[in-house]
Amino acid sequence: MSVAGERHTATPSYSDVNRDVMATLRPPGNLYFAWMCIVGLLLACFFLAWSYQIFAGMGAAGKRTPQMWAMYITSFVFWIGIGHAGTLISAVLYLFRARWRTSIYRARRR
């Protein structure tokens, strides 16, 4: 007798697992190479802009003497704060034993 809302998932067979693992060994397709070209182009643009800023100085970013490092320090502090907030939220969920936190943990690990 099954309980309402209970799901039965099919257990994958060894052949299913082998097929999925072997699929990762196939050569990549054209879509993969198109995305890698886009990523490579963006990476090249990043390094060109960064090397120009190293060569020309902070004026390349539009910064003047009084506040020249403010943009980078603010960005650094913002992302450190985001990281701390994630840790704090995770700790609070763990301390209060929130049942729905396990689905968040599973999604985070993928």
C-alpha atoms as a PDB file:
ATOM      1  CA  MET A   1       0.000   0.000   0.000  1.00  0.00           C
ATOM      2  CA  SER A   2       1.482   3.360  -0.944  1.00  0.00           C
ATOM      3  CA  VAL A   3       1.179   6.591   0.947  1.00  0.00           C
ATOM      4  CA  ALA A   4      -0.207   9.647  -0.855  1.00  0.00           C
ATOM      5  CA  GLY A   5       2.558  11.815  -2.250  1.00  0.00           C
ATOM      6  CA  GLU A   6       5.180   9.030  -2.142  1.00  0.00           C
ATOM      7  CA  ARG A   7       7.250   8.698  -5.287  1.00  0.00           C
ATOM      8  CA  HIS A   8       8.773   5.517  -6.607  1.00  0.00           C
ATOM      9  CA  THR A   9      11.843   6.140  -8.691  1.00  0.00           C
ATOM     10  CA  ALA A  10      13.202   3.479 -10.972  1.00  0.00           C
ATOM     11  CA  THR A  11      16.640   2.240 -10.016  1.00  0.00           C
ATOM     12  CA  PRO A  12      19.022   2.574 -12.959  1.00  0.00           C
ATOM     13  CA  SER A  13      20.527  -0.645 -14.224  1.00  0.00           C
ATOM     14  CA  TYR A  14      24.247  -1.181 -14.786  1.00  0.00           C
ATOM     15  CA  SER A  15      23.770  -0.740 -18.513  1.00  0.00           C
ATOM     16  CA  ASP A  16      22.080   2.645 -17.930  1.00  0.00           C
ATOM     17  CA  VAL A  17      24.970   3.788 -15.772  1.00  0.00           C
ATOM     18  CA  ASN A  18      27.556   2.503 -18.255  1.00  0.00           C
ATOM     19  CA  ARG A  19      25.756   4.252 -21.132  1.00  0.00           C
ATOM     20  CA  ASP A  20      25.712   7.568 -19.246  1.00  0.00           C
ATOM     21  CA  VAL A  21      29.385   7.310 -18.267  1.00  0.00           C
ATOM     22  CA  MET A  22      30.464   6.350 -21.777  1.00  0.00           C
ATOM     23  CA  ALA A  23      28.480   9.280 -23.210  1.00  0.00           C
ATOM     24  CA  THR A  24      30.905  11.654 -21.497  1.00  0.00           C
ATOM     25  CA  LEU A  25      33.782  10.175 -23.535  1.00  0.00           C
ATOM     26  CA  ARG A  26      32.286  11.038 -26.926  1.00  0.00           C
ATOM     27  CA  PRO A  27      33.999  13.856 -28.833  1.00  0.00           C
ATOM     28  CA  PRO A  28      32.371  17.257 -28.349  1.00  0.00           C
ATOM     29  CA  GLY A  29      30.057  18.655 -31.000  1.00  0.00           C
ATOM     30  CA  ASN A  30      29.960  21.930 -32.886  1.00  0.00           C
ATOM     31  CA  LEU A  31      27.931  23.699 -30.190  1.00  0.00           C
ATOM     32  CA  TYR A  32      30.688  23.031 -27.660  1.00  0.00           C
ATOM     33  CA  PHE A  33      33.329  24.529 -29.928  1.00  0.00           C
ATOM     34  CA  ALA A  34      31.124  27.543 -30.676  1.00  0.00           C
ATOM     35  CA  TRP A  35      30.765  28.248 -26.949  1.00  0.00           C
ATOM     36  CA  MET A  36      34.506  27.748 -26.413  1.00  0.00           C
ATOM     37  CA  CYS A  37      35.225  30.285 -29.169  1.00  0.00           C
ATOM     38  CA  ILE A  38      32.941  32.791 -27.446  1.00  0.00           C
ATOM     39  CA  VAL A  39      34.570  32.113 -24.060  1.00  0.00           C
ATOM     40  CA  GLY A  40      38.045  32.420 -25.602  1.00  0.00           C
ATOM     41  CA  LEU A  41      37.100  35.718 -27.233  1.00  0.00           C
ATOM     42  CA  LEU A  42      35.760  37.107 -23.947  1.00  0.00           C
ATOM     43  CA  LEU A  43      38.885  35.948 -22.128  1.00  0.00           C
ATOM     44  CA  ALA A  44      41.108  37.615 -24.735  1.00  0.00           C
ATOM     45  CA  CYS A  45      39.101  40.863 -24.388  1.00  0.00           C
ATOM     46  CA  PHE A  46      39.494  40.690 -20.626  1.00  0.00           C
ATOM     47  CA  PHE A  47      43.263  40.288 -20.827  1.00  0.00           C
ATOM     48  CA  LEU A  48      43.572  43.070 -23.390  1.00  0.00           C
ATOM     49  CA  ALA A  49      41.550  45.461 -21.206  1.00  0.00           C
ATOM     50  CA  TRP A  50      43.483  44.434 -18.094  1.00  0.00           C
ATOM     51  CA  SER A  51      46.873  44.866 -19.785  1.00  0.00           C
ATOM     52  CA  TYR A  52      45.779  48.291 -21.110  1.00  0.00           C
ATOM     53  CA  GLN A  53      44.829  49.326 -17.590  1.00  0.00           C
ATOM     54  CA  ILE A  54      48.174  48.075 -16.247  1.00  0.00           C
ATOM     55  CA  PHE A  55      49.964  50.047 -18.982  1.00  0.00           C
ATOM     56  CA  ALA A  56      47.861  53.249 -18.847  1.00  0.00           C
ATOM     57  CA  GLY A  57      47.107  53.269 -15.124  1.00  0.00           C
ATOM     58  CA  MET A  58      43.891  53.763 -13.188  1.00  0.00           C
ATOM     59  CA  GLY A  59      42.872  56.619 -15.470  1.00  0.00           C
ATOM     60  CA  ALA A  60      41.872  53.959 -18.032  1.00  0.00           C
ATOM     61  CA  ALA A  61      39.007  53.005 -15.696  1.00  0.00           C
ATOM     62  CA  GLY A  62      37.985  56.676 -15.369  1.00  0.00           C
ATOM     63  CA  LYS A  63      39.321  57.000 -11.840  1.00  0.00           C
ATOM     64  CA  ARG A  64      41.084  60.074 -10.526  1.00  0.00           C
ATOM     65  CA  THR A  65      43.555  60.405  -7.671  1.00  0.00           C
ATOM     66  CA  PRO A  66      41.250  60.797  -4.615  1.00  0.00           C
ATOM     67  CA  GLN A  67      39.095  57.741  -5.253  1.00  0.00           C
ATOM     68  CA  MET A  68      41.242  55.646  -7.570  1.00  0.00           C
ATOM     69  CA  TRP A  69      40.968  52.289  -5.762  1.00  0.00           C
ATOM     70  CA  ALA A  70      37.407  52.775  -4.459  1.00  0.00           C
ATOM     71  CA  MET A  71      35.761  50.719  -7.217  1.00  0.00           C
ATOM     72  CA  TYR A  72      37.996  47.691  -6.630  1.00  0.00           C
ATOM     73  CA  ILE A  73      37.803  47.830  -2.846  1.00  0.00           C
ATOM     74  CA  THR A  74      34.002  48.213  -2.949  1.00  0.00           C
ATOM     75  CA  SER A  75      33.650  45.277  -5.322  1.00  0.00           C
ATOM     76  CA  PHE A  76      35.928  43.130  -3.135  1.00  0.00           C
ATOM     77  CA  VAL A  77      33.999  43.968   0.041  1.00  0.00           C
ATOM     78  CA  PHE A  78      30.674  43.303  -1.715  1.00  0.00           C
ATOM     79  CA  TRP A  79      31.655  39.790  -2.853  1.00  0.00           C
ATOM     80  CA  ILE A  80      33.176  38.944   0.531  1.00  0.00           C
ATOM     81  CA  GLY A  81      29.867  40.027   2.097  1.00  0.00           C
ATOM     82  CA  ILE A  82      27.922  37.795  -0.301  1.00  0.00           C
ATOM     83  CA  GLY A  83      30.114  34.860   0.712  1.00  0.00           C
ATOM     84  CA  HIS A  84      29.633  35.564   4.401  1.00  0.00           C
ATOM     85  CA  ALA A  85      25.879  35.896   3.964  1.00  0.00           C
ATOM     86  CA  GLY A  86      25.706  32.479   2.303  1.00  0.00           C
ATOM     87  CA  THR A  87      27.644  30.935   5.168  1.00  0.00           C
ATOM     88  CA  LEU A  88      25.433  32.651   7.737  1.00  0.00           C
ATOM     89  CA  ILE A  89      22.215  31.526   6.046  1.00  0.00           C
ATOM     90  CA  SER A  90      23.524  27.973   5.834  1.00  0.00           C
ATOM     91  CA  ALA A  91      24.476  27.976   9.530  1.00  0.00           C
ATOM     92  CA  VAL A  92      21.085  29.359  10.603  1.00  0.00           C
ATOM     93  CA  LEU A  93      19.252  26.736   8.547  1.00  0.00           C
ATOM     94  CA  TYR A  94      21.408  24.025  10.103  1.00  0.00           C
ATOM     95  CA  LEU A  95      20.955  25.314  13.664  1.00  0.00           C
ATOM     96  CA  PHE A  96      17.179  25.505  13.357  1.00  0.00           C
ATOM     97  CA  ARG A  97      17.073  22.115  11.614  1.00  0.00           C
ATOM     98  CA  ALA A  98      15.028  23.413   8.703  1.00  0.00           C
ATOM     99  CA  ARG A  99      13.765  20.328   6.866  1.00  0.00           C
ATOM    100  CA  TRP A 100      13.755  21.994   3.441  1.00  0.00           C
ATOM    101  CA  ARG A 101      17.454  22.890   3.656  1.00  0.00           C
ATOM    102  CA  THR A 102      18.496  19.448   2.428  1.00  0.00           C
ATOM    103  CA  SER A 103      17.084  20.160  -1.031  1.00  0.00           C
ATOM    104  CA  ILE A 104      19.132  23.357  -1.152  1.00  0.00           C
ATOM    105  CA  TYR A 105      22.256  21.432  -0.143  1.00  0.00           C
ATOM    106  CA  ARG A 106      21.629  18.867  -2.882  1.00  0.00           C
ATOM    107  CA  ALA A 107      21.190  21.602  -5.496  1.00  0.00           C
ATOM    108  CA  ARG A 108      24.357  23.340  -4.317  1.00  0.00           C
ATOM    109  CA  ARG A 109      26.474  20.201  -4.778  1.00  0.00           C
ATOM    110  CA  ARG A 110      25.574  19.730  -8.448  1.00  0.00           C
END
